[in-house]
Amino acid sequence: LPVRMDRRLTATDKAYLQEIVEVAGLKTALKKRPDQLSGGEQQRAALLRAVFIRPKIIFADEPTGNLDSKAGATVMQLMKEINERYNTTVIMVTHSETQAAYAGRRIHISDGKID
């Protein structure tokens, strides 16, 4: 909605939006309301909103916490692709070793201390 309301979007912005929608596999979801999307689609849409402004860093706190394992893996793969394709650093907090395995670098904190 904010993208549609911004009448200052350039052709480059629109092309970039189409690209990231394709990367996230959300082309068919563009016409749906948030309550019509699955949890995984909602999470991927949230990532796209963040990526659209071309940030250098994305902070994510348990980004797959409410998702089943399949949807969680899809979100994690998208985060990895965002990192690699758009050179965006992703800093994520998780308790899941499975999700942490997607990271290029891991820092473990236990009882307030870095292990």
PDB file of N, CA and C in Angstrom:
ATOM      1  N   LEU A   1       0.813  -1.203   0.000  1.00  0.00           N
ATOM      2  CA  LEU A   1       0.000   0.000   0.000  1.00  0.00           C
ATOM      3  C   LEU A   1       0.856   1.268   0.000  1.00  0.00           C
ATOM      4  N   PRO A   2       1.877   1.371   0.876  1.00  0.00           N
ATOM      5  CA  PRO A   2       2.697   2.588   0.833  1.00  0.00           C
ATOM      6  C   PRO A   2       3.374   2.791  -0.519  1.00  0.00           C
ATOM      7  N   VAL A   3       3.769   1.694  -1.154  1.00  0.00           N
ATOM      8  CA  VAL A   3       4.412   1.806  -2.462  1.00  0.00           C
ATOM      9  C   VAL A   3       3.423   2.338  -3.493  1.00  0.00           C
ATOM     10  N   ARG A   4       2.203   1.848  -3.462  1.00  0.00           N
ATOM     11  CA  ARG A   4       1.184   2.333  -4.407  1.00  0.00           C
ATOM     12  C   ARG A   4       0.845   3.803  -4.166  1.00  0.00           C
ATOM     13  N   MET A   5       0.860   4.215  -2.901  1.00  0.00           N
ATOM     14  CA  MET A   5       0.492   5.587  -2.575  1.00  0.00           C
ATOM     15  C   MET A   5       1.595   6.583  -2.945  1.00  0.00           C
ATOM     16  N   ASP A   6       2.824   6.112  -3.030  1.00  0.00           N
ATOM     17  CA  ASP A   6       3.947   6.989  -3.348  1.00  0.00           C
ATOM     18  C   ASP A   6       3.996   7.214  -4.854  1.00  0.00           C
ATOM     19  N   ARG A   7       3.499   8.332  -5.278  1.00  0.00           N
ATOM     20  CA  ARG A   7       3.432   8.627  -6.709  1.00  0.00           C
ATOM     21  C   ARG A   7       4.791   9.062  -7.263  1.00  0.00           C
ATOM     22  N   ARG A   8       5.805   9.093  -6.421  1.00  0.00           N
ATOM     23  CA  ARG A   8       7.129   9.501  -6.864  1.00  0.00           C
ATOM     24  C   ARG A   8       7.995   8.316  -7.278  1.00  0.00           C
ATOM     25  N   LEU A   9       7.439   7.138  -7.321  1.00  0.00           N
ATOM     26  CA  LEU A   9       8.210   5.961  -7.693  1.00  0.00           C
ATOM     27  C   LEU A   9       8.708   6.070  -9.123  1.00  0.00           C
ATOM     28  N   THR A  10       9.976   5.789  -9.292  1.00  0.00           N
ATOM     29  CA  THR A  10      10.557   5.821 -10.626  1.00  0.00           C
ATOM     30  C   THR A  10      10.375   4.454 -11.288  1.00  0.00           C
ATOM     31  N   ALA A  11      10.663   4.404 -12.557  1.00  0.00           N
ATOM     32  CA  ALA A  11      10.612   3.123 -13.270  1.00  0.00           C
ATOM     33  C   ALA A  11      11.610   2.149 -12.661  1.00  0.00           C
ATOM     34  N   THR A  12      12.743   2.658 -12.218  1.00  0.00           N
ATOM     35  CA  THR A  12      13.759   1.814 -11.569  1.00  0.00           C
ATOM     36  C   THR A  12      13.207   1.227 -10.275  1.00  0.00           C
ATOM     37  N   ASP A  13      12.501   2.041  -9.479  1.00  0.00           N
ATOM     38  CA  ASP A  13      11.888   1.552  -8.242  1.00  0.00           C
ATOM     39  C   ASP A  13      10.874   0.456  -8.535  1.00  0.00           C
ATOM     40  N   LYS A  14      10.055   0.672  -9.560  1.00  0.00           N
ATOM     41  CA  LYS A  14       9.036  -0.308  -9.907  1.00  0.00           C
ATOM     42  C   LYS A  14       9.669  -1.610 -10.387  1.00  0.00           C
ATOM     43  N   ALA A  15      10.736  -1.506 -11.162  1.00  0.00           N
ATOM     44  CA  ALA A  15      11.437  -2.705 -11.641  1.00  0.00           C
ATOM     45  C   ALA A  15      12.059  -3.449 -10.464  1.00  0.00           C
ATOM     46  N   TYR A  16      12.644  -2.703  -9.523  1.00  0.00           N
ATOM     47  CA  TYR A  16      13.244  -3.315  -8.335  1.00  0.00           C
ATOM     48  C   TYR A  16      12.174  -4.007  -7.497  1.00  0.00           C
ATOM     49  N   LEU A  17      11.018  -3.373  -7.346  1.00  0.00           N
ATOM     50  CA  LEU A  17       9.923  -3.978  -6.599  1.00  0.00           C
ATOM     51  C   LEU A  17       9.506  -5.295  -7.246  1.00  0.00           C
ATOM     52  N   GLN A  18       9.351  -5.301  -8.555  1.00  0.00           N
ATOM     53  CA  GLN A  18       8.980  -6.532  -9.260  1.00  0.00           C
ATOM     54  C   GLN A  18      10.044  -7.614  -9.065  1.00  0.00           C
ATOM     55  N   GLU A  19      11.307  -7.208  -9.084  1.00  0.00           N
ATOM     56  CA  GLU A  19      12.397  -8.167  -8.895  1.00  0.00           C
ATOM     57  C   GLU A  19      12.338  -8.815  -7.517  1.00  0.00           C
ATOM     58  N   ILE A  20      12.197  -8.007  -6.467  1.00  0.00           N
ATOM     59  CA  ILE A  20      12.211  -8.591  -5.130  1.00  0.00           C
ATOM     60  C   ILE A  20      10.948  -9.406  -4.858  1.00  0.00           C
ATOM     61  N   VAL A  21       9.834  -9.038  -5.476  1.00  0.00           N
ATOM     62  CA  VAL A  21       8.612  -9.839  -5.355  1.00  0.00           C
ATOM     63  C   VAL A  21       8.842 -11.210  -5.989  1.00  0.00           C
ATOM     64  N   GLU A  22       9.500 -11.236  -7.139  1.00  0.00           N
ATOM     65  CA  GLU A  22       9.813 -12.510  -7.801  1.00  0.00           C
ATOM     66  C   GLU A  22      10.764 -13.343  -6.951  1.00  0.00           C
ATOM     67  N   VAL A  23      11.799 -12.713  -6.396  1.00  0.00           N
ATOM     68  CA  VAL A  23      12.776 -13.414  -5.554  1.00  0.00           C
ATOM     69  C   VAL A  23      12.071 -14.077  -4.372  1.00  0.00           C
ATOM     70  N   ALA A  24      11.102 -13.384  -3.794  1.00  0.00           N
ATOM     71  CA  ALA A  24      10.397 -13.898  -2.623  1.00  0.00           C
ATOM     72  C   ALA A  24       9.275 -14.864  -2.978  1.00  0.00           C
ATOM     73  N   GLY A  25       8.966 -14.980  -4.268  1.00  0.00           N
ATOM     74  CA  GLY A  25       7.886 -15.873  -4.675  1.00  0.00           C
ATOM     75  C   GLY A  25       6.516 -15.384  -4.232  1.00  0.00           C
ATOM     76  N   LEU A  26       6.312 -14.076  -4.253  1.00  0.00           N
ATOM     77  CA  LEU A  26       5.054 -13.504  -3.766  1.00  0.00           C
ATOM     78  C   LEU A  26       4.220 -12.827  -4.848  1.00  0.00           C
ATOM     79  N   LYS A  27       4.495 -13.112  -6.105  1.00  0.00           N
ATOM     80  CA  LYS A  27       3.776 -12.446  -7.191  1.00  0.00           C
ATOM     81  C   LYS A  27       2.264 -12.647  -7.069  1.00  0.00           C
ATOM     82  N   THR A  28       1.829 -13.855  -6.756  1.00  0.00           N
ATOM     83  CA  THR A  28       0.389 -14.118  -6.654  1.00  0.00           C
ATOM     84  C   THR A  28      -0.216 -13.521  -5.386  1.00  0.00           C
ATOM     85  N   ALA A  29       0.606 -13.145  -4.430  1.00  0.00           N
ATOM     86  CA  ALA A  29       0.112 -12.591  -3.172  1.00  0.00           C
ATOM     87  C   ALA A  29      -0.113 -11.083  -3.228  1.00  0.00           C
ATOM     88  N   LEU A  30       0.309 -10.443  -4.297  1.00  0.00           N
ATOM     89  CA  LEU A  30       0.220  -8.980  -4.370  1.00  0.00           C
ATOM     90  C   LEU A  30      -1.207  -8.452  -4.291  1.00  0.00           C
ATOM     91  N   LYS A  31      -2.153  -9.202  -4.740  1.00  0.00           N
ATOM     92  CA  LYS A  31      -3.553  -8.742  -4.764  1.00  0.00           C
ATOM     93  C   LYS A  31      -4.318  -9.135  -3.495  1.00  0.00           C
ATOM     94  N   LYS A  32      -3.642  -9.796  -2.567  1.00  0.00           N
ATOM     95  CA  LYS A  32      -4.315 -10.259  -1.353  1.00  0.00           C
ATOM     96  C   LYS A  32      -4.112  -9.288  -0.202  1.00  0.00           C
ATOM     97  N   ARG A  33      -5.048  -9.327   0.728  1.00  0.00           N
ATOM     98  CA  ARG A  33      -4.913  -8.573   1.971  1.00  0.00           C
ATOM     99  C   ARG A  33      -4.039  -9.379   2.938  1.00  0.00           C
ATOM    100  N   PRO A  34      -3.420  -8.735   3.912  1.00  0.00           N
ATOM    101  CA  PRO A  34      -2.560  -9.462   4.852  1.00  0.00           C
ATOM    102  C   PRO A  34      -3.249 -10.649   5.536  1.00  0.00           C
ATOM    103  N   ASP A  35      -4.546 -10.505   5.860  1.00  0.00           N
ATOM    104  CA  ASP A  35      -5.233 -11.601   6.545  1.00  0.00           C
ATOM    105  C   ASP A  35      -5.523 -12.781   5.614  1.00  0.00           C
ATOM    106  N   GLN A  36      -5.262 -12.613   4.326  1.00  0.00           N
ATOM    107  CA  GLN A  36      -5.451 -13.703   3.367  1.00  0.00           C
ATOM    108  C   GLN A  36      -4.146 -14.444   3.076  1.00  0.00           C
ATOM    109  N   LEU A  37      -3.052 -13.986   3.670  1.00  0.00           N
ATOM    110  CA  LEU A  37      -1.746 -14.605   3.464  1.00  0.00           C
ATOM    111  C   LEU A  37      -1.440 -15.590   4.579  1.00  0.00           C
ATOM    112  N   SER A  38      -0.664 -16.606   4.257  1.00  0.00           N
ATOM    113  CA  SER A  38      -0.202 -17.534   5.290  1.00  0.00           C
ATOM    114  C   SER A  38       0.838 -16.818   6.159  1.00  0.00           C
ATOM    115  N   GLY A  39       1.193 -17.421   7.266  1.00  0.00           N
ATOM    116  CA  GLY A  39       2.209 -16.834   8.148  1.00  0.00           C
ATOM    117  C   GLY A  39       3.537 -16.650   7.433  1.00  0.00           C
ATOM    118  N   GLY A  40       3.919 -17.632   6.643  1.00  0.00           N
ATOM    119  CA  GLY A  40       5.173 -17.537   5.894  1.00  0.00           C
ATOM    120  C   GLY A  40       5.133 -16.431   4.853  1.00  0.00           C
ATOM    121  N   GLU A  41       3.999 -16.292   4.174  1.00  0.00           N
ATOM    122  CA  GLU A  41       3.853 -15.215   3.191  1.00  0.00           C
ATOM    123  C   GLU A  41       3.894 -13.850   3.876  1.00  0.00           C
ATOM    124  N   GLN A  42       3.271 -13.753   5.035  1.00  0.00           N
ATOM    125  CA  GLN A  42       3.303 -12.496   5.779  1.00  0.00           C
ATOM    126  C   GLN A  42       4.732 -12.142   6.174  1.00  0.00           C
ATOM    127  N   GLN A  43       5.484 -13.135   6.598  1.00  0.00           N
ATOM    128  CA  GLN A  43       6.866 -12.898   7.011  1.00  0.00           C
ATOM    129  C   GLN A  43       7.720 -12.480   5.813  1.00  0.00           C
ATOM    130  N   ARG A  44       7.528 -13.145   4.675  1.00  0.00           N
ATOM    131  CA  ARG A  44       8.279 -12.775   3.468  1.00  0.00           C
ATOM    132  C   ARG A  44       7.888 -11.381   2.995  1.00  0.00           C
ATOM    133  N   ALA A  45       6.615 -11.037   3.097  1.00  0.00           N
ATOM    134  CA  ALA A  45       6.169  -9.689   2.724  1.00  0.00           C
ATOM    135  C   ALA A  45       6.821  -8.640   3.621  1.00  0.00           C
ATOM    136  N   ALA A  46       6.941  -8.935   4.892  1.00  0.00           N
ATOM    137  CA  ALA A  46       7.602  -8.012   5.820  1.00  0.00           C
ATOM    138  C   ALA A  46       9.069  -7.816   5.423  1.00  0.00           C
ATOM    139  N   LEU A  47       9.716  -8.890   5.029  1.00  0.00           N
ATOM    140  CA  LEU A  47      11.106  -8.775   4.565  1.00  0.00           C
ATOM    141  C   LEU A  47      11.190  -7.906   3.310  1.00  0.00           C
ATOM    142  N   LEU A  48      10.242  -8.074   2.404  1.00  0.00           N
ATOM    143  CA  LEU A  48      10.260  -7.270   1.184  1.00  0.00           C
ATOM    144  C   LEU A  48      10.068  -5.793   1.485  1.00  0.00           C
ATOM    145  N   ARG A  49       9.188  -5.486   2.434  1.00  0.00           N
ATOM    146  CA  ARG A  49       9.004  -4.072   2.807  1.00  0.00           C
ATOM    147  C   ARG A  49      10.314  -3.491   3.317  1.00  0.00           C
ATOM    148  N   ALA A  50      11.053  -4.286   4.083  1.00  0.00           N
ATOM    149  CA  ALA A  50      12.344  -3.821   4.593  1.00  0.00           C
ATOM    150  C   ALA A  50      13.366  -3.690   3.468  1.00  0.00           C
ATOM    151  N   VAL A  51      13.416  -4.662   2.583  1.00  0.00           N
ATOM    152  CA  VAL A  51      14.415  -4.681   1.514  1.00  0.00           C
ATOM    153  C   VAL A  51      14.172  -3.577   0.488  1.00  0.00           C
ATOM    154  N   PHE A  52      12.929  -3.194   0.288  1.00  0.00           N
ATOM    155  CA  PHE A  52      12.605  -2.208  -0.736  1.00  0.00           C
ATOM    156  C   PHE A  52      13.356  -0.894  -0.542  1.00  0.00           C
ATOM    157  N   ILE A  53      13.618  -0.517   0.698  1.00  0.00           N
ATOM    158  CA  ILE A  53      14.319   0.751   0.937  1.00  0.00           C
ATOM    159  C   ILE A  53      15.839   0.594   0.855  1.00  0.00           C
ATOM    160  N   ARG A  54      16.290  -0.590   0.461  1.00  0.00           N
ATOM    161  CA  ARG A  54      17.709  -0.892   0.249  1.00  0.00           C
ATOM    162  C   ARG A  54      18.568  -0.619   1.494  1.00  0.00           C
ATOM    163  N   PRO A  55      18.218  -1.254   2.609  1.00  0.00           N
ATOM    164  CA  PRO A  55      19.004  -1.026   3.820  1.00  0.00           C
ATOM    165  C   PRO A  55      20.348  -1.744   3.747  1.00  0.00           C
ATOM    166  N   LYS A  56      21.285  -1.291   4.519  1.00  0.00           N
ATOM    167  CA  LYS A  56      22.575  -1.980   4.623  1.00  0.00           C
ATOM    168  C   LYS A  56      22.471  -3.142   5.609  1.00  0.00           C
ATOM    169  N   ILE A  57      21.572  -2.985   6.622  1.00  0.00           N
ATOM    170  CA  ILE A  57      21.420  -3.994   7.674  1.00  0.00           C
ATOM    171  C   ILE A  57      19.929  -4.231   7.924  1.00  0.00           C
ATOM    172  N   ILE A  58      19.576  -5.499   8.126  1.00  0.00           N
ATOM    173  CA  ILE A  58      18.236  -5.870   8.577  1.00  0.00           C
ATOM    174  C   ILE A  58      18.406  -6.590   9.908  1.00  0.00           C
ATOM    175  N   PHE A  59      17.667  -6.161  10.929  1.00  0.00           N
ATOM    176  CA  PHE A  59      17.667  -6.825  12.226  1.00  0.00           C
ATOM    177  C   PHE A  59      16.412  -7.686  12.320  1.00  0.00           C
ATOM    178  N   ALA A  60      16.580  -8.944  12.700  1.00  0.00           N
ATOM    179  CA  ALA A  60      15.441  -9.865  12.782  1.00  0.00           C
ATOM    180  C   ALA A  60      15.486 -10.606  14.117  1.00  0.00           C
ATOM    181  N   ASP A  61      14.401 -10.530  14.859  1.00  0.00           N
ATOM    182  CA  ASP A  61      14.290 -11.207  16.151  1.00  0.00           C
ATOM    183  C   ASP A  61      13.358 -12.404  15.988  1.00  0.00           C
ATOM    184  N   GLU A  62      13.910 -13.601  16.020  1.00  0.00           N
ATOM    185  CA  GLU A  62      13.153 -14.848  15.857  1.00  0.00           C
ATOM    186  C   GLU A  62      12.209 -14.762  14.638  1.00  0.00           C
ATOM    187  N   PRO A  63      12.755 -14.531  13.447  1.00  0.00           N
ATOM    188  CA  PRO A  63      11.902 -14.305  12.279  1.00  0.00           C
ATOM    189  C   PRO A  63      11.058 -15.506  11.855  1.00  0.00           C
ATOM    190  N   THR A  64      11.351 -16.672  12.383  1.00  0.00           N
ATOM    191  CA  THR A  64      10.569 -17.860  12.020  1.00  0.00           C
ATOM    192  C   THR A  64       9.863 -18.460  13.222  1.00  0.00           C
ATOM    193  N   GLY A  65       9.810 -17.723  14.309  1.00  0.00           N
ATOM    194  CA  GLY A  65       9.282 -18.246  15.568  1.00  0.00           C
ATOM    195  C   GLY A  65       7.867 -18.783  15.515  1.00  0.00           C
ATOM    196  N   ASN A  66       7.010 -18.192  14.694  1.00  0.00           N
ATOM    197  CA  ASN A  66       5.607 -18.616  14.638  1.00  0.00           C
ATOM    198  C   ASN A  66       5.285 -19.429  13.390  1.00  0.00           C
ATOM    199  N   LEU A  67       6.309 -19.925  12.718  1.00  0.00           N
ATOM    200  CA  LEU A  67       6.091 -20.625  11.454  1.00  0.00           C
ATOM    201  C   LEU A  67       6.390 -22.114  11.584  1.00  0.00           C
ATOM    202  N   ASP A  68       5.753 -22.910  10.724  1.00  0.00           N
ATOM    203  CA  ASP A  68       6.106 -24.327  10.687  1.00  0.00           C
ATOM    204  C   ASP A  68       7.473 -24.463  10.014  1.00  0.00           C
ATOM    205  N   SER A  69       8.049 -25.651  10.062  1.00  0.00           N
ATOM    206  CA  SER A  69       9.426 -25.826   9.593  1.00  0.00           C
ATOM    207  C   SER A  69       9.579 -25.527   8.106  1.00  0.00           C
ATOM    208  N   LYS A  70       8.601 -25.868   7.282  1.00  0.00           N
ATOM    209  CA  LYS A  70       8.697 -25.615   5.843  1.00  0.00           C
ATOM    210  C   LYS A  70       8.671 -24.111   5.554  1.00  0.00           C
ATOM    211  N   ALA A  71       7.709 -23.405   6.148  1.00  0.00           N
ATOM    212  CA  ALA A  71       7.621 -21.959   5.951  1.00  0.00           C
ATOM    213  C   ALA A  71       8.849 -21.265   6.534  1.00  0.00           C
ATOM    214  N   GLY A  72       9.336 -21.759   7.661  1.00  0.00           N
ATOM    215  CA  GLY A  72      10.535 -21.203   8.284  1.00  0.00           C
ATOM    216  C   GLY A  72      11.754 -21.345   7.387  1.00  0.00           C
ATOM    217  N   ALA A  73      11.885 -22.502   6.762  1.00  0.00           N
ATOM    218  CA  ALA A  73      13.009 -22.727   5.847  1.00  0.00           C
ATOM    219  C   ALA A  73      12.922 -21.794   4.641  1.00  0.00           C
ATOM    220  N   THR A  74      11.718 -21.550   4.154  1.00  0.00           N
ATOM    221  CA  THR A  74      11.528 -20.639   3.016  1.00  0.00           C
ATOM    222  C   THR A  74      11.936 -19.224   3.389  1.00  0.00           C
ATOM    223  N   VAL A  75      11.541 -18.782   4.580  1.00  0.00           N
ATOM    224  CA  VAL A  75      11.906 -17.445   5.053  1.00  0.00           C
ATOM    225  C   VAL A  75      13.421 -17.345   5.232  1.00  0.00           C
ATOM    226  N   MET A  76      14.027 -18.366   5.804  1.00  0.00           N
ATOM    227  CA  MET A  76      15.472 -18.340   6.014  1.00  0.00           C
ATOM    228  C   MET A  76      16.225 -18.324   4.689  1.00  0.00           C
ATOM    229  N   GLN A  77      15.746 -19.081   3.724  1.00  0.00           N
ATOM    230  CA  GLN A  77      16.384 -19.084   2.407  1.00  0.00           C
ATOM    231  C   GLN A  77      16.273 -17.705   1.758  1.00  0.00           C
ATOM    232  N   LEU A  78      15.121 -17.048   1.933  1.00  0.00           N
ATOM    233  CA  LEU A  78      14.947 -15.699   1.409  1.00  0.00           C
ATOM    234  C   LEU A  78      15.920 -14.733   2.080  1.00  0.00           C
ATOM    235  N   MET A  79      16.069 -14.840   3.384  1.00  0.00           N
ATOM    236  CA  MET A  79      16.997 -13.958   4.101  1.00  0.00           C
ATOM    237  C   MET A  79      18.425 -14.168   3.592  1.00  0.00           C
ATOM    238  N   LYS A  80      18.782 -15.416   3.361  1.00  0.00           N
ATOM    239  CA  LYS A  80      20.119 -15.717   2.841  1.00  0.00           C
ATOM    240  C   LYS A  80      20.297 -15.116   1.443  1.00  0.00           C
ATOM    241  N   GLU A  81      19.265 -15.235   0.603  1.00  0.00           N
ATOM    242  CA  GLU A  81      19.342 -14.673  -0.743  1.00  0.00           C
ATOM    243  C   GLU A  81      19.410 -13.153  -0.711  1.00  0.00           C
ATOM    244  N   ILE A  82      18.671 -12.528   0.192  1.00  0.00           N
ATOM    245  CA  ILE A  82      18.738 -11.072   0.346  1.00  0.00           C
ATOM    246  C   ILE A  82      20.158 -10.664   0.714  1.00  0.00           C
ATOM    247  N   ASN A  83      20.749 -11.393   1.626  1.00  0.00           N
ATOM    248  CA  ASN A  83      22.120 -11.117   2.047  1.00  0.00           C
ATOM    249  C   ASN A  83      23.081 -11.210   0.862  1.00  0.00           C
ATOM    250  N   GLU A  84      22.974 -12.266   0.107  1.00  0.00           N
ATOM    251  CA  GLU A  84      23.918 -12.497  -0.986  1.00  0.00           C
ATOM    252  C   GLU A  84      23.640 -11.611  -2.203  1.00  0.00           C
ATOM    253  N   ARG A  85      22.390 -11.522  -2.603  1.00  0.00           N
ATOM    254  CA  ARG A  85      22.041 -10.806  -3.836  1.00  0.00           C
ATOM    255  C   ARG A  85      22.137  -9.297  -3.695  1.00  0.00           C
ATOM    256  N   TYR A  86      21.699  -8.774  -2.549  1.00  0.00           N
ATOM    257  CA  TYR A  86      21.625  -7.324  -2.366  1.00  0.00           C
ATOM    258  C   TYR A  86      22.687  -6.788  -1.410  1.00  0.00           C
ATOM    259  N   ASN A  87      23.606  -7.657  -0.999  1.00  0.00           N
ATOM    260  CA  ASN A  87      24.698  -7.264  -0.113  1.00  0.00           C
ATOM    261  C   ASN A  87      24.173  -6.579   1.151  1.00  0.00           C
ATOM    262  N   THR A  88      23.104  -7.153   1.700  1.00  0.00           N
ATOM    263  CA  THR A  88      22.482  -6.634   2.918  1.00  0.00           C
ATOM    264  C   THR A  88      22.863  -7.536   4.087  1.00  0.00           C
ATOM    265  N   THR A  89      23.420  -6.948   5.114  1.00  0.00           N
ATOM    266  CA  THR A  89      23.758  -7.707   6.316  1.00  0.00           C
ATOM    267  C   THR A  89      22.478  -8.025   7.072  1.00  0.00           C
ATOM    268  N   VAL A  90      22.340  -9.272   7.501  1.00  0.00           N
ATOM    269  CA  VAL A  90      21.192  -9.681   8.302  1.00  0.00           C
ATOM    270  C   VAL A  90      21.712 -10.083   9.675  1.00  0.00           C
ATOM    271  N   ILE A  91      21.238  -9.394  10.692  1.00  0.00           N
ATOM    272  CA  ILE A  91      21.575  -9.734  12.071  1.00  0.00           C
ATOM    273  C   ILE A  91      20.319 -10.321  12.681  1.00  0.00           C
ATOM    274  N   MET A  92      20.428 -11.589  13.078  1.00  0.00           N
ATOM    275  CA  MET A  92      19.250 -12.324  13.537  1.00  0.00           C
ATOM    276  C   MET A  92      19.505 -12.915  14.920  1.00  0.00           C
ATOM    277  N   VAL A  93      18.476 -12.855  15.739  1.00  0.00           N
ATOM    278  CA  VAL A  93      18.497 -13.513  17.044  1.00  0.00           C
ATOM    279  C   VAL A  93      17.597 -14.734  16.939  1.00  0.00           C
ATOM    280  N   THR A  94      18.117 -15.881  17.366  1.00  0.00           N
ATOM    281  CA  THR A  94      17.312 -17.100  17.341  1.00  0.00           C
ATOM    282  C   THR A  94      17.784 -18.069  18.413  1.00  0.00           C
ATOM    283  N   HIS A  95      16.880 -18.929  18.832  1.00  0.00           N
ATOM    284  CA  HIS A  95      17.222 -20.028  19.721  1.00  0.00           C
ATOM    285  C   HIS A  95      17.377 -21.316  18.931  1.00  0.00           C
ATOM    286  N   SER A  96      17.078 -21.261  17.652  1.00  0.00           N
ATOM    287  CA  SER A  96      17.063 -22.449  16.806  1.00  0.00           C
ATOM    288  C   SER A  96      18.421 -22.679  16.133  1.00  0.00           C
ATOM    289  N   GLU A  97      19.010 -23.819  16.399  1.00  0.00           N
ATOM    290  CA  GLU A  97      20.260 -24.176  15.724  1.00  0.00           C
ATOM    291  C   GLU A  97      20.026 -24.375  14.234  1.00  0.00           C
ATOM    292  N   THR A  98      18.850 -24.878  13.876  1.00  0.00           N
ATOM    293  CA  THR A  98      18.516 -25.066  12.464  1.00  0.00           C
ATOM    294  C   THR A  98      18.536 -23.736  11.727  1.00  0.00           C
ATOM    295  N   GLN A  99      17.914 -22.720  12.307  1.00  0.00           N
ATOM    296  CA  GLN A  99      17.891 -21.397  11.678  1.00  0.00           C
ATOM    297  C   GLN A  99      19.279 -20.760  11.708  1.00  0.00           C
ATOM    298  N   ALA A 100      20.002 -20.945  12.778  1.00  0.00           N
ATOM    299  CA  ALA A 100      21.345 -20.371  12.889  1.00  0.00           C
ATOM    300  C   ALA A 100      22.296 -20.954  11.849  1.00  0.00           C
ATOM    301  N   ALA A 101      22.020 -22.171  11.400  1.00  0.00           N
ATOM    302  CA  ALA A 101      22.884 -22.822  10.416  1.00  0.00           C
ATOM    303  C   ALA A 101      22.901 -22.062   9.079  1.00  0.00           C
ATOM    304  N   TYR A 102      21.921 -21.222   8.825  1.00  0.00           N
ATOM    305  CA  TYR A 102      21.892 -20.428   7.591  1.00  0.00           C
ATOM    306  C   TYR A 102      22.905 -19.286   7.622  1.00  0.00           C
ATOM    307  N   ALA A 103      23.374 -18.948   8.792  1.00  0.00           N
ATOM    308  CA  ALA A 103      24.244 -17.778   8.951  1.00  0.00           C
ATOM    309  C   ALA A 103      25.671 -18.053   8.472  1.00  0.00           C
ATOM    310  N   GLY A 104      26.279 -17.008   7.949  1.00  0.00           N
ATOM    311  CA  GLY A 104      27.684 -17.091   7.577  1.00  0.00           C
ATOM    312  C   GLY A 104      28.584 -16.970   8.798  1.00  0.00           C
ATOM    313  N   ARG A 105      28.076 -16.310   9.803  1.00  0.00           N
ATOM    314  CA  ARG A 105      28.827 -16.144  11.053  1.00  0.00           C
ATOM    315  C   ARG A 105      27.845 -16.225  12.210  1.00  0.00           C
ATOM    316  N   ARG A 106      28.226 -16.968  13.248  1.00  0.00           N
ATOM    317  CA  ARG A 106      27.361 -17.109  14.426  1.00  0.00           C
ATOM    318  C   ARG A 106      28.106 -16.659  15.663  1.00  0.00           C
ATOM    319  N   ILE A 107      27.390 -15.962  16.518  1.00  0.00           N
ATOM    320  CA  ILE A 107      27.917 -15.563  17.817  1.00  0.00           C
ATOM    321  C   ILE A 107      26.966 -16.137  18.859  1.00  0.00           C
ATOM    322  N   HIS A 108      27.483 -16.969  19.737  1.00  0.00           N
ATOM    323  CA  HIS A 108      26.662 -17.600  20.779  1.00  0.00           C
ATOM    324  C   HIS A 108      26.769 -16.786  22.070  1.00  0.00           C
ATOM    325  N   ILE A 109      25.610 -16.522  22.655  1.00  0.00           N
ATOM    326  CA  ILE A 109      25.559 -15.824  23.932  1.00  0.00           C
ATOM    327  C   ILE A 109      24.861 -16.735  24.922  1.00  0.00           C
ATOM    328  N   SER A 110      25.496 -16.971  26.040  1.00  0.00           N
ATOM    329  CA  SER A 110      24.939 -17.824  27.082  1.00  0.00           C
ATOM    330  C   SER A 110      25.121 -17.161  28.427  1.00  0.00           C
ATOM    331  N   ASP A 111      24.037 -17.020  29.155  1.00  0.00           N
ATOM    332  CA  ASP A 111      24.063 -16.368  30.463  1.00  0.00           C
ATOM    333  C   ASP A 111      24.718 -14.997  30.417  1.00  0.00           C
ATOM    334  N   GLY A 112      24.414 -14.267  29.335  1.00  0.00           N
ATOM    335  CA  GLY A 112      24.923 -12.905  29.199  1.00  0.00           C
ATOM    336  C   GLY A 112      26.370 -12.802  28.753  1.00  0.00           C
ATOM    337  N   LYS A 113      26.984 -13.927  28.426  1.00  0.00           N
ATOM    338  CA  LYS A 113      28.391 -13.903  28.011  1.00  0.00           C
ATOM    339  C   LYS A 113      28.534 -14.479  26.616  1.00  0.00           C
ATOM    340  N   ILE A 114      29.439 -13.897  25.853  1.00  0.00           N
ATOM    341  CA  ILE A 114      29.714 -14.411  24.510  1.00  0.00           C
ATOM    342  C   ILE A 114      30.601 -15.626  24.636  1.00  0.00           C
ATOM    343  N   ASP A 115      30.124 -16.747  24.057  1.00  0.00           N
ATOM    344  CA  ASP A 115      30.904 -17.996  24.091  1.00  0.00           C
ATOM    345  C   ASP A 115      31.934 -18.004  22.990  1.00  0.00           C
TER     346      ASP A 115
END
